[in-house]
């Protein structure tokens, strides 16, 4: 029995974020840290999904998960923002568009 070759969207059989995808994600993360909203992050590279989780405190559940699921790229879009309660806030194939949901939380009214 022969093993299937790894997917062209994964490294070593695992899905991962590419450097061009991590740039915008880490840029947003840096702005949110500077605003005092986020404090920690974690990256998980699994077989079918790569997850960038952001935390307010290290010991908590993640506030948001930015997920990449390449198998959904032709259906719902490979990127998704998922809130702590499991609600999908935005889904699509353009990472910049998907991340705008979280960037809106940075904009505050000035008193």
C-alpha atoms as a PDB file:
ATOM      1  CA  UNK A   1       0.000   0.000   0.000  1.00  0.00           C
ATOM      2  CA  UNK A   2       1.436   3.374  -0.981  1.00  0.00           C
ATOM      3  CA  UNK A   3       1.037   6.541   1.040  1.00  0.00           C
ATOM      4  CA  UNK A   4      -0.729   9.488  -0.504  1.00  0.00           C
ATOM      5  CA  UNK A   5       1.491  12.486  -1.223  1.00  0.00           C
ATOM      6  CA  UNK A   6       0.941  15.470   1.055  1.00  0.00           C
ATOM      7  CA  UNK A   7      -1.509  18.086  -0.099  1.00  0.00           C
ATOM      8  CA  UNK A   8       0.023  21.045  -1.955  1.00  0.00           C
ATOM      9  CA  UNK A   9      -1.536  23.242   0.753  1.00  0.00           C
ATOM     10  CA  UNK A  10       0.344  21.592   3.597  1.00  0.00           C
ATOM     11  CA  UNK A  11       3.857  20.933   4.800  1.00  0.00           C
ATOM     12  CA  UNK A  12       4.607  17.429   6.058  1.00  0.00           C
ATOM     13  CA  UNK A  13       0.925  16.497   5.886  1.00  0.00           C
ATOM     14  CA  UNK A  14      -0.121  19.408   8.102  1.00  0.00           C
ATOM     15  CA  UNK A  15      -1.853  22.614   7.154  1.00  0.00           C
ATOM     16  CA  UNK A  16       0.147  25.712   8.036  1.00  0.00           C
ATOM     17  CA  UNK A  17       0.041  29.461   7.548  1.00  0.00           C
ATOM     18  CA  UNK A  18       2.421  30.802   4.906  1.00  0.00           C
ATOM     19  CA  UNK A  19       4.692  33.747   5.653  1.00  0.00           C
ATOM     20  CA  UNK A  20       2.498  35.992   3.478  1.00  0.00           C
ATOM     21  CA  UNK A  21      -0.524  35.021   5.592  1.00  0.00           C
ATOM     22  CA  UNK A  22       1.234  35.480   8.934  1.00  0.00           C
ATOM     23  CA  UNK A  23       2.300  39.038   8.040  1.00  0.00           C
ATOM     24  CA  UNK A  24      -1.220  40.552   8.130  1.00  0.00           C
ATOM     25  CA  UNK A  25      -2.250  38.380  11.082  1.00  0.00           C
ATOM     26  CA  UNK A  26       0.751  39.407  13.194  1.00  0.00           C
ATOM     27  CA  UNK A  27       0.307  43.039  12.111  1.00  0.00           C
ATOM     28  CA  UNK A  28      -3.243  43.020  13.451  1.00  0.00           C
ATOM     29  CA  UNK A  29      -2.054  41.187  16.572  1.00  0.00           C
ATOM     30  CA  UNK A  30       0.562  43.877  17.228  1.00  0.00           C
ATOM     31  CA  UNK A  31      -1.996  46.676  16.906  1.00  0.00           C
ATOM     32  CA  UNK A  32      -4.388  44.895  19.269  1.00  0.00           C
ATOM     33  CA  UNK A  33      -1.601  44.314  21.820  1.00  0.00           C
ATOM     34  CA  UNK A  34      -0.700  48.012  21.637  1.00  0.00           C
ATOM     35  CA  UNK A  35      -4.366  48.858  22.260  1.00  0.00           C
ATOM     36  CA  UNK A  36      -4.370  46.564  25.322  1.00  0.00           C
ATOM     37  CA  UNK A  37      -6.972  44.171  23.894  1.00  0.00           C
ATOM     38  CA  UNK A  38      -4.866  41.038  23.354  1.00  0.00           C
ATOM     39  CA  UNK A  39      -1.918  39.625  25.301  1.00  0.00           C
ATOM     40  CA  UNK A  40      -0.964  36.224  23.935  1.00  0.00           C
ATOM     41  CA  UNK A  41      -1.356  33.975  20.907  1.00  0.00           C
ATOM     42  CA  UNK A  42      -0.912  30.370  19.899  1.00  0.00           C
ATOM     43  CA  UNK A  43      -0.530  28.640  16.547  1.00  0.00           C
ATOM     44  CA  UNK A  44      -1.707  25.091  15.868  1.00  0.00           C
ATOM     45  CA  UNK A  45      -0.874  23.277  12.624  1.00  0.00           C
ATOM     46  CA  UNK A  46      -3.080  20.220  12.281  1.00  0.00           C
ATOM     47  CA  UNK A  47      -3.813  17.892   9.384  1.00  0.00           C
ATOM     48  CA  UNK A  48      -6.806  19.773   7.922  1.00  0.00           C
ATOM     49  CA  UNK A  49      -6.654  23.139   9.665  1.00  0.00           C
ATOM     50  CA  UNK A  50      -4.183  25.774  10.827  1.00  0.00           C
ATOM     51  CA  UNK A  51      -5.361  27.879  13.774  1.00  0.00           C
ATOM     52  CA  UNK A  52      -4.067  31.203  15.081  1.00  0.00           C
ATOM     53  CA  UNK A  53      -5.668  31.725  18.509  1.00  0.00           C
ATOM     54  CA  UNK A  54      -5.591  35.042  20.382  1.00  0.00           C
ATOM     55  CA  UNK A  55      -5.989  35.375  24.134  1.00  0.00           C
ATOM     56  CA  UNK A  56      -6.663  38.155  26.587  1.00  0.00           C
ATOM     57  CA  UNK A  57      -4.857  36.123  29.261  1.00  0.00           C
ATOM     58  CA  UNK A  58      -2.734  33.027  28.741  1.00  0.00           C
ATOM     59  CA  UNK A  59      -4.821  30.712  30.935  1.00  0.00           C
ATOM     60  CA  UNK A  60      -8.136  31.483  29.214  1.00  0.00           C
ATOM     61  CA  UNK A  61      -9.952  30.124  26.230  1.00  0.00           C
ATOM     62  CA  UNK A  62      -9.076  32.023  23.057  1.00  0.00           C
ATOM     63  CA  UNK A  63     -11.045  35.199  22.358  1.00  0.00           C
ATOM     64  CA  UNK A  64     -10.841  34.568  18.615  1.00  0.00           C
ATOM     65  CA  UNK A  65      -9.535  31.870  16.322  1.00  0.00           C
ATOM     66  CA  UNK A  66      -8.319  32.641  12.828  1.00  0.00           C
ATOM     67  CA  UNK A  67      -8.629  29.361  10.949  1.00  0.00           C
ATOM     68  CA  UNK A  68      -7.308  28.264   7.581  1.00  0.00           C
ATOM     69  CA  UNK A  69      -9.042  25.259   6.033  1.00  0.00           C
ATOM     70  CA  UNK A  70      -7.796  24.800   2.445  1.00  0.00           C
ATOM     71  CA  UNK A  71     -10.442  22.162   1.674  1.00  0.00           C
ATOM     72  CA  UNK A  72     -13.145  24.854   1.962  1.00  0.00           C
ATOM     73  CA  UNK A  73     -11.493  27.284  -0.471  1.00  0.00           C
ATOM     74  CA  UNK A  74     -13.929  26.430  -3.281  1.00  0.00           C
ATOM     75  CA  UNK A  75     -17.004  26.360  -1.040  1.00  0.00           C
ATOM     76  CA  UNK A  76     -17.215  28.811   1.869  1.00  0.00           C
ATOM     77  CA  UNK A  77     -13.699  30.220   1.770  1.00  0.00           C
ATOM     78  CA  UNK A  78     -10.573  28.893   3.409  1.00  0.00           C
ATOM     79  CA  UNK A  79     -10.250  31.576   6.125  1.00  0.00           C
ATOM     80  CA  UNK A  80     -12.623  32.057   9.051  1.00  0.00           C
ATOM     81  CA  UNK A  81     -12.775  34.177  12.200  1.00  0.00           C
ATOM     82  CA  UNK A  82     -14.444  32.310  15.047  1.00  0.00           C
ATOM     83  CA  UNK A  83     -15.422  33.959  18.349  1.00  0.00           C
ATOM     84  CA  UNK A  84     -15.025  32.425  21.807  1.00  0.00           C
ATOM     85  CA  UNK A  85     -18.601  31.119  21.761  1.00  0.00           C
ATOM     86  CA  UNK A  86     -18.093  29.330  18.417  1.00  0.00           C
ATOM     87  CA  UNK A  87     -19.899  31.913  16.304  1.00  0.00           C
ATOM     88  CA  UNK A  88     -18.344  32.384  12.854  1.00  0.00           C
ATOM     89  CA  UNK A  89     -17.871  36.139  12.444  1.00  0.00           C
ATOM     90  CA  UNK A  90     -16.524  36.148   8.879  1.00  0.00           C
ATOM     91  CA  UNK A  91     -15.511  33.622   6.250  1.00  0.00           C
ATOM     92  CA  UNK A  92     -13.852  34.030   2.866  1.00  0.00           C
ATOM     93  CA  UNK A  93     -10.882  33.458   0.586  1.00  0.00           C
ATOM     94  CA  UNK A  94      -9.337  36.926   1.019  1.00  0.00           C
ATOM     95  CA  UNK A  95      -7.511  37.028   4.358  1.00  0.00           C
ATOM     96  CA  UNK A  96      -7.429  40.843   4.396  1.00  0.00           C
ATOM     97  CA  UNK A  97     -11.213  41.040   4.057  1.00  0.00           C
ATOM     98  CA  UNK A  98     -11.737  38.435   6.751  1.00  0.00           C
ATOM     99  CA  UNK A  99      -9.405  40.213   9.200  1.00  0.00           C
ATOM    100  CA  UNK A 100     -11.313  43.490   8.815  1.00  0.00           C
ATOM    101  CA  UNK A 101     -13.949  42.120  11.197  1.00  0.00           C
ATOM    102  CA  UNK A 102     -11.376  42.240  13.982  1.00  0.00           C
ATOM    103  CA  UNK A 103      -9.881  45.568  12.871  1.00  0.00           C
ATOM    104  CA  UNK A 104     -13.258  47.235  13.444  1.00  0.00           C
ATOM    105  CA  UNK A 105     -12.874  46.433  17.124  1.00  0.00           C
ATOM    106  CA  UNK A 106      -9.793  48.696  17.165  1.00  0.00           C
ATOM    107  CA  UNK A 107     -11.789  51.735  16.074  1.00  0.00           C
ATOM    108  CA  UNK A 108     -13.269  53.524  19.074  1.00  0.00           C
ATOM    109  CA  UNK A 109     -15.190  56.739  19.453  1.00  0.00           C
ATOM    110  CA  UNK A 110     -13.195  59.565  21.061  1.00  0.00           C
ATOM    111  CA  UNK A 111     -15.013  61.405  23.859  1.00  0.00           C
END
